[in-house]
Amino acid sequence: MNSEFDGSVETDQTGRLERLRTSLTTWAAFALLLTFLVVTIALWGYAAWALMNLMELFA
């Protein structure tokens, strides 16, 4: 049977796909971590700004 039609993938192509999947997984995890850090810093900045305005209101 011809390997073109039996659904099998050549070993070098499998290696490339596996490396691509690993690379994409790594970059996706890095992007999610960076997004989480940016959102966290933004929320802390907003909380500090709101607290300063609240203290200014009662002063």
N, C-alpha and C. Protein backbone atom coordinates (compact mmCIF):
# COMPACT_ATOMS: atom_id res chain seq x y z
N MET A 1 0.85 -1.19 0.00
CA MET A 1 0.00 0.00 0.00
C MET A 1 0.89 1.24 0.00
N ASN A 2 0.46 2.25 -0.68
CA ASN A 2 1.22 3.48 -0.79
C ASN A 2 1.05 4.31 0.48
N SER A 3 2.17 4.87 1.00
CA SER A 3 2.08 5.64 2.24
C SER A 3 1.35 6.97 2.06
N GLU A 4 1.17 7.38 0.80
CA GLU A 4 0.42 8.62 0.56
C GLU A 4 -1.04 8.48 0.98
N PHE A 5 -1.57 7.28 0.79
CA PHE A 5 -3.00 7.09 0.95
C PHE A 5 -3.41 6.39 2.25
N ASP A 6 -2.44 5.89 3.01
CA ASP A 6 -2.82 5.16 4.22
C ASP A 6 -2.84 6.04 5.47
N GLY A 7 -2.66 7.33 5.33
CA GLY A 7 -2.77 8.24 6.45
C GLY A 7 -1.52 8.37 7.28
N SER A 8 -0.45 7.68 6.91
CA SER A 8 0.78 7.80 7.69
C SER A 8 1.54 9.05 7.29
N VAL A 9 2.34 9.53 8.20
CA VAL A 9 3.12 10.75 7.97
C VAL A 9 4.59 10.36 8.04
N GLU A 10 5.38 10.94 7.17
CA GLU A 10 6.82 10.64 7.17
C GLU A 10 7.45 11.07 8.48
N THR A 11 8.53 10.42 8.89
CA THR A 11 9.13 10.69 10.20
C THR A 11 9.72 12.08 10.28
N ASP A 12 10.34 12.60 9.21
CA ASP A 12 10.90 13.95 9.28
C ASP A 12 9.80 14.99 9.39
N GLN A 13 8.67 14.74 8.71
CA GLN A 13 7.54 15.66 8.82
C GLN A 13 6.94 15.60 10.23
N THR A 14 6.87 14.43 10.80
CA THR A 14 6.36 14.28 12.17
C THR A 14 7.25 15.06 13.13
N GLY A 15 8.55 14.98 12.96
CA GLY A 15 9.47 15.72 13.82
C GLY A 15 9.27 17.22 13.69
N ARG A 16 9.08 17.68 12.46
CA ARG A 16 8.86 19.12 12.26
C ARG A 16 7.56 19.57 12.89
N LEU A 17 6.51 18.76 12.72
CA LEU A 17 5.22 19.13 13.31
C LEU A 17 5.29 19.12 14.84
N GLU A 18 6.02 18.17 15.38
CA GLU A 18 6.17 18.11 16.84
C GLU A 18 6.94 19.31 17.36
N ARG A 19 8.00 19.70 16.65
CA ARG A 19 8.76 20.89 17.06
C ARG A 19 7.91 22.14 16.93
N LEU A 20 7.09 22.22 15.88
CA LEU A 20 6.21 23.38 15.71
C LEU A 20 5.19 23.44 16.84
N ARG A 21 4.60 22.29 17.19
CA ARG A 21 3.62 22.26 18.28
C ARG A 21 4.26 22.67 19.60
N THR A 22 5.46 22.18 19.86
CA THR A 22 6.16 22.53 21.09
C THR A 22 6.47 24.02 21.13
N SER A 23 6.92 24.55 20.00
CA SER A 23 7.25 25.98 19.93
C SER A 23 6.00 26.84 20.13
N LEU A 24 4.91 26.46 19.47
CA LEU A 24 3.67 27.24 19.61
C LEU A 24 3.13 27.16 21.03
N THR A 25 3.24 26.00 21.65
CA THR A 25 2.79 25.85 23.04
C THR A 25 3.60 26.74 23.97
N THR A 26 4.91 26.78 23.75
CA THR A 26 5.78 27.61 24.59
C THR A 26 5.43 29.09 24.43
N TRP A 27 5.29 29.54 23.18
CA TRP A 27 4.97 30.95 22.95
C TRP A 27 3.58 31.32 23.45
N ALA A 28 2.62 30.39 23.35
CA ALA A 28 1.27 30.66 23.86
C ALA A 28 1.28 30.79 25.38
N ALA A 29 2.04 29.94 26.04
CA ALA A 29 2.14 30.04 27.50
C ALA A 29 2.80 31.35 27.90
N PHE A 30 3.84 31.75 27.17
CA PHE A 30 4.51 33.01 27.46
C PHE A 30 3.56 34.19 27.24
N ALA A 31 2.78 34.16 26.17
CA ALA A 31 1.84 35.24 25.89
C ALA A 31 0.76 35.33 26.96
N LEU A 32 0.26 34.19 27.42
CA LEU A 32 -0.75 34.21 28.48
C LEU A 32 -0.18 34.75 29.78
N LEU A 33 1.04 34.37 30.11
CA LEU A 33 1.68 34.88 31.32
C LEU A 33 1.90 36.39 31.23
N LEU A 34 2.36 36.85 30.08
CA LEU A 34 2.58 38.28 29.89
C LEU A 34 1.27 39.06 29.98
N THR A 35 0.21 38.52 29.40
CA THR A 35 -1.10 39.17 29.47
C THR A 35 -1.58 39.24 30.91
N PHE A 36 -1.42 38.16 31.65
CA PHE A 36 -1.82 38.13 33.05
C PHE A 36 -1.06 39.19 33.85
N LEU A 37 0.25 39.30 33.63
CA LEU A 37 1.05 40.28 34.36
C LEU A 37 0.64 41.71 34.02
N VAL A 38 0.40 42.00 32.75
CA VAL A 38 0.00 43.34 32.33
C VAL A 38 -1.36 43.70 32.94
N VAL A 39 -2.31 42.78 32.90
CA VAL A 39 -3.64 43.05 33.48
C VAL A 39 -3.54 43.25 34.98
N THR A 40 -2.71 42.44 35.65
CA THR A 40 -2.54 42.58 37.09
C THR A 40 -1.94 43.93 37.45
N ILE A 41 -0.92 44.36 36.74
CA ILE A 41 -0.29 45.66 37.00
C ILE A 41 -1.28 46.79 36.74
N ALA A 42 -2.07 46.66 35.67
CA ALA A 42 -3.07 47.69 35.37
C ALA A 42 -4.12 47.77 36.47
N LEU A 43 -4.56 46.64 36.97
CA LEU A 43 -5.56 46.65 38.05
C LEU A 43 -5.01 47.24 39.33
N TRP A 44 -3.76 46.94 39.67
CA TRP A 44 -3.15 47.54 40.86
C TRP A 44 -3.00 49.06 40.68
N GLY A 45 -2.65 49.49 39.48
CA GLY A 45 -2.55 50.93 39.22
C GLY A 45 -3.90 51.62 39.35
N TYR A 46 -4.94 50.98 38.83
CA TYR A 46 -6.27 51.56 38.96
C TYR A 46 -6.71 51.59 40.42
N ALA A 47 -6.41 50.55 41.18
CA ALA A 47 -6.77 50.51 42.59
C ALA A 47 -6.05 51.62 43.36
N ALA A 48 -4.77 51.83 43.06
CA ALA A 48 -4.02 52.90 43.73
C ALA A 48 -4.59 54.27 43.38
N TRP A 49 -4.95 54.45 42.11
CA TRP A 49 -5.53 55.73 41.68
C TRP A 49 -6.88 55.97 42.38
N ALA A 50 -7.72 54.92 42.45
CA ALA A 50 -9.02 55.05 43.10
C ALA A 50 -8.86 55.34 44.58
N LEU A 51 -7.90 54.69 45.24
CA LEU A 51 -7.66 54.92 46.66
C LEU A 51 -7.19 56.35 46.91
N MET A 52 -6.32 56.86 46.04
CA MET A 52 -5.86 58.25 46.20
C MET A 52 -7.02 59.23 46.03
N ASN A 53 -7.89 58.96 45.06
CA ASN A 53 -9.04 59.84 44.87
C ASN A 53 -10.00 59.75 46.04
N LEU A 54 -10.16 58.58 46.61
CA LEU A 54 -11.04 58.40 47.75
C LEU A 54 -10.47 59.13 48.97
N MET A 55 -9.17 59.03 49.17
CA MET A 55 -8.56 59.73 50.31
C MET A 55 -8.64 61.25 50.12
N GLU A 56 -8.51 61.69 48.88
CA GLU A 56 -8.62 63.12 48.57
C GLU A 56 -10.03 63.62 48.85
N LEU A 57 -11.03 62.78 48.62
CA LEU A 57 -12.42 63.15 48.83
C LEU A 57 -12.71 63.38 50.30
N PHE A 58 -12.13 62.58 51.18
CA PHE A 58 -12.40 62.70 52.61
C PHE A 58 -11.43 63.63 53.33
N ALA A 59 -10.43 64.15 52.63
CA ALA A 59 -9.45 65.03 53.29
C ALA A 59 -9.95 66.45 53.39
